[in-house]
Amino acid sequence: MLERVIEKQIQDDFRSAENQLNDFINKFQSDFDHILREKEQKEAQAPEIINSLKAEKERLSKYLKDLQDVRDFLNSWKQS
């Protein structure tokens, strides 16, 4: 009788450990899938972000050119 009780307890302990491992594996898989989806989403947005940054760079370059033109004009006016 004691042997059956011990075997039952061992089976229960192994079942509990197996359930805990399965829960851990499922949680890990869920977290991994979430991270993978985020990575794919960011990679998909990268070209759009790059194009936006290039457009902003062009605008800033134009403003810098305009500013330099104004600065040159003011310097020439100041020297007159």
C-alpha atoms as a PDB file:
ATOM      1  CA  MET A   1       0.000   0.000   0.000  1.00  0.00           C
ATOM      2  CA  LEU A   2       2.776   2.438   0.939  1.00  0.00           C
ATOM      3  CA  GLU A   3       4.504   1.654  -2.352  1.00  0.00           C
ATOM      4  CA  ARG A   4       1.366   2.592  -4.331  1.00  0.00           C
ATOM      5  CA  VAL A   5       1.016   5.834  -2.384  1.00  0.00           C
ATOM      6  CA  ILE A   6       4.649   6.693  -3.125  1.00  0.00           C
ATOM      7  CA  GLU A   7       4.221   5.809  -6.828  1.00  0.00           C
ATOM      8  CA  LYS A   8       1.084   7.938  -6.982  1.00  0.00           C
ATOM      9  CA  GLN A   9       2.894  10.861  -5.359  1.00  0.00           C
ATOM     10  CA  ILE A  10       5.801  10.483  -7.798  1.00  0.00           C
ATOM     11  CA  GLN A  11       3.383  10.424 -10.744  1.00  0.00           C
ATOM     12  CA  ASP A  12       1.631  13.517  -9.424  1.00  0.00           C
ATOM     13  CA  ASP A  13       4.947  15.305  -8.912  1.00  0.00           C
ATOM     14  CA  PHE A  14       6.120  14.440 -12.436  1.00  0.00           C
ATOM     15  CA  ARG A  15       2.758  15.503 -13.891  1.00  0.00           C
ATOM     16  CA  SER A  16       2.995  18.791 -12.008  1.00  0.00           C
ATOM     17  CA  ALA A  17       6.566  19.337 -13.230  1.00  0.00           C
ATOM     18  CA  GLU A  18       5.510  18.503 -16.779  1.00  0.00           C
ATOM     19  CA  ASN A  19       2.638  20.974 -16.574  1.00  0.00           C
ATOM     20  CA  GLN A  20       4.973  23.677 -15.265  1.00  0.00           C
ATOM     21  CA  LEU A  21       7.429  23.011 -18.087  1.00  0.00           C
ATOM     22  CA  ASN A  22       4.626  23.131 -20.658  1.00  0.00           C
ATOM     23  CA  ASP A  23       3.373  26.409 -19.191  1.00  0.00           C
ATOM     24  CA  PHE A  24       6.895  27.839 -19.348  1.00  0.00           C
ATOM     25  CA  ILE A  25       7.380  26.667 -22.950  1.00  0.00           C
ATOM     26  CA  ASN A  26       4.010  28.124 -23.992  1.00  0.00           C
ATOM     27  CA  LYS A  27       4.815  31.448 -22.314  1.00  0.00           C
ATOM     28  CA  PHE A  28       8.234  31.526 -23.970  1.00  0.00           C
ATOM     29  CA  GLN A  29       6.692  30.751 -27.380  1.00  0.00           C
ATOM     30  CA  SER A  30       4.088  33.458 -26.916  1.00  0.00           C
ATOM     31  CA  ASP A  31       6.724  36.037 -25.946  1.00  0.00           C
ATOM     32  CA  PHE A  32       8.947  34.966 -28.845  1.00  0.00           C
ATOM     33  CA  ASP A  33       6.071  35.262 -31.341  1.00  0.00           C
ATOM     34  CA  HIS A  34       5.224  38.718 -29.996  1.00  0.00           C
ATOM     35  CA  ILE A  35       8.827  39.911 -30.353  1.00  0.00           C
ATOM     36  CA  LEU A  36       9.025  38.447 -33.856  1.00  0.00           C
ATOM     37  CA  ARG A  37       5.828  40.265 -34.914  1.00  0.00           C
ATOM     38  CA  GLU A  38       7.187  43.560 -33.538  1.00  0.00           C
ATOM     39  CA  LYS A  39      10.483  43.065 -35.402  1.00  0.00           C
ATOM     40  CA  GLU A  40       8.687  42.320 -38.672  1.00  0.00           C
ATOM     41  CA  GLN A  41       6.448  45.341 -38.199  1.00  0.00           C
ATOM     42  CA  LYS A  42       9.422  47.643 -37.602  1.00  0.00           C
ATOM     43  CA  GLU A  43      11.264  46.209 -40.587  1.00  0.00           C
ATOM     44  CA  ALA A  44       8.211  46.865 -42.750  1.00  0.00           C
ATOM     45  CA  GLN A  45       8.132  50.496 -41.578  1.00  0.00           C
ATOM     46  CA  ALA A  46      11.848  51.085 -42.186  1.00  0.00           C
ATOM     47  CA  PRO A  47      11.596  52.139 -45.883  1.00  0.00           C
ATOM     48  CA  GLU A  48       8.798  54.585 -45.059  1.00  0.00           C
ATOM     49  CA  ILE A  49      10.818  56.084 -42.211  1.00  0.00           C
ATOM     50  CA  ILE A  50      13.933  56.342 -44.394  1.00  0.00           C
ATOM     51  CA  ASN A  51      11.979  58.123 -47.140  1.00  0.00           C
ATOM     52  CA  SER A  52      10.498  60.522 -44.600  1.00  0.00           C
ATOM     53  CA  LEU A  53      13.939  61.274 -43.159  1.00  0.00           C
ATOM     54  CA  LYS A  54      15.347  61.880 -46.646  1.00  0.00           C
ATOM     55  CA  ALA A  55      12.526  64.323 -47.409  1.00  0.00           C
ATOM     56  CA  GLU A  56      13.148  66.173 -44.145  1.00  0.00           C
ATOM     57  CA  LYS A  57      16.877  66.276 -44.916  1.00  0.00           C
ATOM     58  CA  GLU A  58      16.128  67.862 -48.295  1.00  0.00           C
ATOM     59  CA  ARG A  59      13.876  70.460 -46.648  1.00  0.00           C
ATOM     60  CA  LEU A  60      16.548  71.266 -44.077  1.00  0.00           C
ATOM     61  CA  SER A  61      19.188  71.564 -46.788  1.00  0.00           C
ATOM     62  CA  LYS A  62      16.947  74.031 -48.644  1.00  0.00           C
ATOM     63  CA  TYR A  63      16.401  76.067 -45.468  1.00  0.00           C
ATOM     64  CA  LEU A  64      20.136  76.104 -44.801  1.00  0.00           C
ATOM     65  CA  LYS A  65      20.749  77.300 -48.360  1.00  0.00           C
ATOM     66  CA  ASP A  66      18.114  80.016 -47.961  1.00  0.00           C
ATOM     67  CA  LEU A  67      19.639  81.022 -44.644  1.00  0.00           C
ATOM     68  CA  GLN A  68      23.098  81.221 -46.203  1.00  0.00           C
ATOM     69  CA  ASP A  69      21.708  83.370 -49.021  1.00  0.00           C
ATOM     70  CA  VAL A  70      20.129  85.741 -46.479  1.00  0.00           C
ATOM     71  CA  ARG A  71      23.365  85.831 -44.495  1.00  0.00           C
ATOM     72  CA  ASP A  72      25.367  86.624 -47.641  1.00  0.00           C
ATOM     73  CA  PHE A  73      22.892  89.369 -48.580  1.00  0.00           C
ATOM     74  CA  LEU A  74      23.057  90.933 -45.119  1.00  0.00           C
ATOM     75  CA  ASN A  75      26.849  90.788 -45.125  1.00  0.00           C
ATOM     76  CA  SER A  76      27.000  92.479 -48.529  1.00  0.00           C
ATOM     77  CA  TRP A  77      24.447  95.099 -47.426  1.00  0.00           C
ATOM     78  CA  LYS A  78      26.423  95.719 -44.218  1.00  0.00           C
ATOM     79  CA  GLN A  79      29.616  96.313 -46.198  1.00  0.00           C
ATOM     80  CA  SER A  80      27.920  98.793 -48.531  1.00  0.00           C
END
